[in-house]
Amino acid sequence: MNRSHDERLAQFQSAGLYLVSSAAASAGRPTLDILGAALDAGVTLIQLREKELAARDYFTLAEKARALTHRYGALLILNDHLDVALAVEADGVHLGQEDFPVGAARRIAPRLLLGVSTHSLPEALAAQEQGASYVNIGPLFPTTTKQWAGAFLGWNGLESIAPHLAIPFSVMGGIKTEHIPGLVQRGARVIALVTAVTAAPDPAAAARALLEKIRLSACS
């Protein structure tokens, strides 16, 4: 699917749930099995994270994940690896503050979605100015998925960043089902989660319930 940047961004904005993979938090189950279950449940936006993998192993997994997401018409975002994203024809790449510069990535890959992890208003505005398609705001709440030495942003942090953005944003970090109505009320439409799906006894059922919770919260 050779989609334009704007077509990809429109699907991103309507996805609701942004599933981020983690083999280390999948209860011993293969990442592709978790992704397949989530796609069966209706997830349309996936980030292949897998920071523990060597570059060649990540490439091999990305190729398989791309084939899988193609079958479902879902977006595939790769974490950090712009080169792999281009090689496997992923839909985008997600960059951290210490990763490849977003401005340079935009020049190299104008059609890709470029996401940037941001932890403050200055970081979010800088990413927006440099050409990010979307920013992720977080981590919001305490989480064991991400090693983090700074303060968690919480509700106040989200409220201090989101209203100033002209581009879409996702939220992440320690998010539980009970947080979803409050997040949606504060403008979040794309909610990124890891263990709520990957560590669930039934990942498909968990993903389905989360999608429904996000949908109902957006309608209320």
Protein backbone atom coordinates (compact mmCIF):
# COMPACT_ATOMS: atom_id res chain seq x y z
CA MET A 1 0.00 0.00 0.00
CA ASN A 2 1.81 3.08 -1.29
CA ARG A 3 -0.19 5.63 0.66
CA SER A 4 0.52 9.32 1.01
CA HIS A 5 1.53 10.93 4.27
CA ASP A 6 -1.90 12.52 4.65
CA GLU A 7 -3.72 9.23 4.05
CA ARG A 8 -1.59 7.57 6.71
CA LEU A 9 -2.12 10.44 9.13
CA ALA A 10 -5.88 10.26 8.70
CA GLN A 11 -5.82 6.57 9.64
CA PHE A 12 -3.55 7.35 12.58
CA GLN A 13 -6.00 9.92 13.91
CA SER A 14 -8.93 7.52 13.70
CA ALA A 15 -7.15 4.48 15.19
CA GLY A 16 -8.10 5.01 18.83
CA LEU A 17 -5.76 2.35 20.20
CA TYR A 18 -2.02 2.47 19.41
CA LEU A 19 -0.55 -0.92 20.30
CA VAL A 20 3.17 -0.92 21.09
CA SER A 21 4.79 -4.35 21.00
CA SER A 22 7.12 -5.77 23.63
CA ALA A 23 8.29 -9.36 23.61
CA ALA A 24 9.59 -8.87 27.15
CA ALA A 25 6.06 -8.06 28.32
CA SER A 26 4.14 -10.70 26.38
CA ALA A 27 4.11 -13.54 28.91
CA GLY A 28 6.47 -15.64 26.77
CA ARG A 29 4.31 -15.45 23.67
CA PRO A 30 5.76 -14.48 20.26
CA THR A 31 5.32 -10.86 19.26
CA LEU A 32 3.72 -11.81 15.96
CA ASP A 33 1.09 -13.88 17.78
CA ILE A 34 0.20 -10.87 19.95
CA LEU A 35 0.02 -8.61 16.91
CA GLY A 36 -2.14 -11.07 15.02
CA ALA A 37 -4.59 -11.32 17.90
CA ALA A 38 -4.79 -7.54 18.19
CA LEU A 39 -5.34 -7.13 14.46
CA ASP A 40 -8.10 -9.73 14.58
CA ALA A 41 -9.72 -7.62 17.30
CA GLY A 42 -9.74 -4.52 15.12
CA VAL A 43 -6.49 -2.72 16.01
CA THR A 44 -5.34 -0.61 13.04
CA LEU A 45 -2.17 1.02 14.44
CA ILE A 46 0.89 -0.87 15.69
CA GLN A 47 4.39 0.16 16.72
CA LEU A 48 7.07 -2.51 16.61
CA ARG A 49 9.28 -1.57 19.54
CA GLU A 50 11.46 -4.54 20.60
CA LYS A 51 14.50 -2.57 21.80
CA GLU A 52 16.20 -5.78 22.96
CA LEU A 53 16.64 -7.17 19.45
CA ALA A 54 19.81 -6.88 17.41
CA ALA A 55 19.43 -4.87 14.20
CA ARG A 56 19.30 -7.88 11.86
CA ASP A 57 16.75 -9.70 14.03
CA TYR A 58 14.66 -6.53 14.23
CA PHE A 59 14.72 -6.26 10.43
CA THR A 60 13.54 -9.86 10.05
CA LEU A 61 10.71 -9.31 12.53
CA ALA A 62 9.78 -6.04 10.84
CA GLU A 63 9.46 -7.76 7.47
CA LYS A 64 7.03 -10.28 8.98
CA ALA A 65 5.11 -7.61 10.85
CA ARG A 66 4.79 -5.59 7.63
CA ALA A 67 3.34 -8.57 5.79
CA LEU A 68 0.92 -9.17 8.66
CA THR A 69 -0.27 -5.57 8.93
CA HIS A 70 -0.66 -5.38 5.14
CA ARG A 71 -3.20 -8.18 5.30
CA TYR A 72 -5.30 -6.18 7.74
CA GLY A 73 -4.78 -2.75 6.19
CA ALA A 74 -3.20 -1.59 9.45
CA LEU A 75 -0.47 0.99 9.96
CA LEU A 76 2.96 -0.22 11.03
CA ILE A 77 5.28 2.22 12.81
CA LEU A 78 8.83 1.14 13.61
CA ASN A 79 10.65 2.35 16.70
CA ASP A 80 13.94 4.23 16.12
CA HIS A 81 14.94 2.44 12.89
CA LEU A 82 14.36 4.80 9.96
CA ASP A 83 16.48 2.61 7.69
CA VAL A 84 14.42 -0.49 8.45
CA ALA A 85 11.17 1.45 8.06
CA LEU A 86 12.21 2.46 4.55
CA ALA A 87 13.50 -1.02 3.69
CA VAL A 88 10.31 -2.87 4.68
CA GLU A 89 7.98 -0.08 3.47
CA ALA A 90 6.53 0.59 6.91
CA ASP A 91 4.10 3.48 7.36
CA GLY A 92 6.29 5.43 9.74
CA VAL A 93 8.96 5.60 12.37
CA HIS A 94 8.83 6.74 15.98
CA LEU A 95 11.83 8.66 17.28
CA GLY A 96 13.03 9.46 20.78
CA GLN A 97 14.72 12.66 21.87
CA GLU A 98 18.16 11.11 21.35
CA ASP A 99 17.37 9.36 18.07
CA PHE A 100 17.76 10.42 14.44
CA PRO A 101 16.74 14.11 14.07
CA VAL A 102 13.15 14.47 12.93
CA GLY A 103 13.98 17.28 10.48
CA ALA A 104 16.51 15.10 8.67
CA ALA A 105 14.10 12.16 8.75
CA ARG A 106 11.42 14.31 7.12
CA ARG A 107 13.76 15.24 4.28
CA ILE A 108 14.67 11.58 3.72
CA ALA A 109 11.16 10.16 4.08
CA PRO A 110 8.49 12.74 3.20
CA ARG A 111 5.71 10.15 2.91
CA LEU A 112 6.31 8.45 6.25
CA LEU A 113 4.59 9.23 9.50
CA LEU A 114 7.17 10.62 11.89
CA GLY A 115 6.33 10.39 15.57
CA VAL A 116 8.41 11.88 18.35
CA SER A 117 8.42 11.05 22.06
CA THR A 118 8.06 14.29 24.04
CA HIS A 119 8.06 14.92 27.75
CA SER A 120 7.46 18.68 27.95
CA LEU A 121 5.86 21.52 26.03
CA PRO A 122 9.19 22.79 24.60
CA GLU A 123 10.02 19.30 23.27
CA ALA A 124 6.56 18.92 21.74
CA LEU A 125 6.67 22.33 20.04
CA ALA A 126 10.18 21.69 18.75
CA ALA A 127 9.12 18.35 17.22
CA GLN A 128 6.12 20.02 15.62
CA GLU A 129 8.27 22.78 14.13
CA GLN A 130 10.80 20.29 12.78
CA GLY A 131 8.22 18.32 10.82
CA ALA A 132 6.81 15.63 13.10
CA SER A 133 3.52 14.09 11.98
CA TYR A 134 2.51 13.52 15.58
CA VAL A 135 4.03 13.64 19.03
CA ASN A 136 3.62 11.26 21.91
CA ILE A 137 3.04 12.90 25.28
CA GLY A 138 4.32 10.91 28.22
CA PRO A 139 5.02 9.05 30.28
CA LEU A 140 1.83 10.14 32.02
CA PHE A 141 1.63 7.70 34.93
CA PRO A 142 4.05 5.35 36.70
CA THR A 143 4.97 2.40 34.50
CA THR A 144 7.34 -0.53 34.56
CA THR A 145 7.43 -0.81 30.76
CA LYS A 146 9.71 2.18 30.27
CA GLN A 147 12.77 3.05 32.33
CA TRP A 148 12.23 6.66 33.34
CA ALA A 149 14.17 8.84 35.77
CA GLY A 150 12.11 12.01 35.33
CA ALA A 151 8.77 13.06 36.78
CA PHE A 152 5.64 11.50 35.35
CA LEU A 153 3.53 14.12 33.59
CA GLY A 154 0.14 13.14 34.97
CA TRP A 155 -3.05 14.99 34.16
CA ASN A 156 -1.51 18.42 34.65
CA GLY A 157 1.33 17.67 32.26
CA LEU A 158 -1.07 16.56 29.55
CA GLU A 159 -3.19 19.68 30.05
CA SER A 160 -0.11 21.89 29.78
CA ILE A 161 0.97 20.43 26.42
CA ALA A 162 -1.99 19.22 24.37
CA PRO A 163 -3.85 22.55 23.85
CA HIS A 164 -0.76 24.13 22.26
CA LEU A 165 -0.31 21.53 19.51
CA ALA A 166 -1.39 21.95 15.91
CA ILE A 167 -0.56 18.33 15.01
CA PRO A 168 -2.07 15.09 16.36
CA PHE A 169 -0.74 13.53 19.52
CA SER A 170 -0.80 10.19 21.27
CA VAL A 171 -0.48 9.56 25.00
CA MET A 172 1.39 6.80 26.77
CA GLY A 173 2.74 5.61 30.09
CA GLY A 174 1.00 3.60 32.78
CA ILE A 175 -2.43 4.07 31.21
CA LYS A 176 -5.19 1.90 32.64
CA THR A 177 -8.74 1.39 31.44
CA GLU A 178 -10.04 3.76 34.09
CA HIS A 179 -7.87 6.58 32.71
CA ILE A 180 -9.40 6.47 29.23
CA PRO A 181 -12.48 8.71 29.79
CA GLY A 182 -10.31 11.40 31.38
CA LEU A 183 -7.75 11.20 28.59
CA VAL A 184 -10.41 11.51 25.90
CA GLN A 185 -11.99 14.41 27.78
CA ARG A 186 -8.61 16.17 27.60
CA GLY A 187 -8.37 15.75 23.84
CA ALA A 188 -6.53 12.43 23.51
CA ARG A 189 -7.82 10.37 20.59
CA VAL A 190 -4.88 8.00 20.13
CA ILE A 191 -3.98 6.05 23.26
CA ALA A 192 -0.75 4.05 23.22
CA LEU A 193 -0.60 0.93 25.36
CA VAL A 194 1.74 -2.01 25.85
CA THR A 195 1.02 -4.42 28.68
CA ALA A 196 -2.74 -3.84 28.78
CA VAL A 197 -2.77 -5.93 25.59
CA THR A 198 0.57 -7.75 25.38
CA ALA A 199 0.43 -9.16 28.92
CA ALA A 200 -3.31 -9.87 28.94
CA PRO A 201 -4.40 -13.53 29.17
CA ASP A 202 -6.46 -12.94 26.02
CA PRO A 203 -4.84 -10.14 23.98
CA ALA A 204 -7.65 -10.07 21.41
CA ALA A 205 -10.33 -9.65 24.08
CA ALA A 206 -8.26 -7.00 25.83
CA ALA A 207 -7.74 -5.04 22.60
CA ARG A 208 -11.41 -5.30 21.70
CA ALA A 209 -12.49 -4.02 25.12
CA LEU A 210 -10.03 -1.11 24.98
CA LEU A 211 -11.17 -0.09 21.50
CA GLU A 212 -14.77 -0.10 22.70
CA LYS A 213 -13.87 1.92 25.81
CA ILE A 214 -12.13 4.55 23.68
CA ARG A 215 -15.06 4.66 21.26
CA LEU A 216 -17.65 5.06 23.99
CA SER A 217 -15.58 7.70 25.77
CA ALA A 218 -15.30 9.70 22.55
CA CYS A 219 -19.07 9.54 22.08
CA SER A 220 -19.99 10.61 25.60
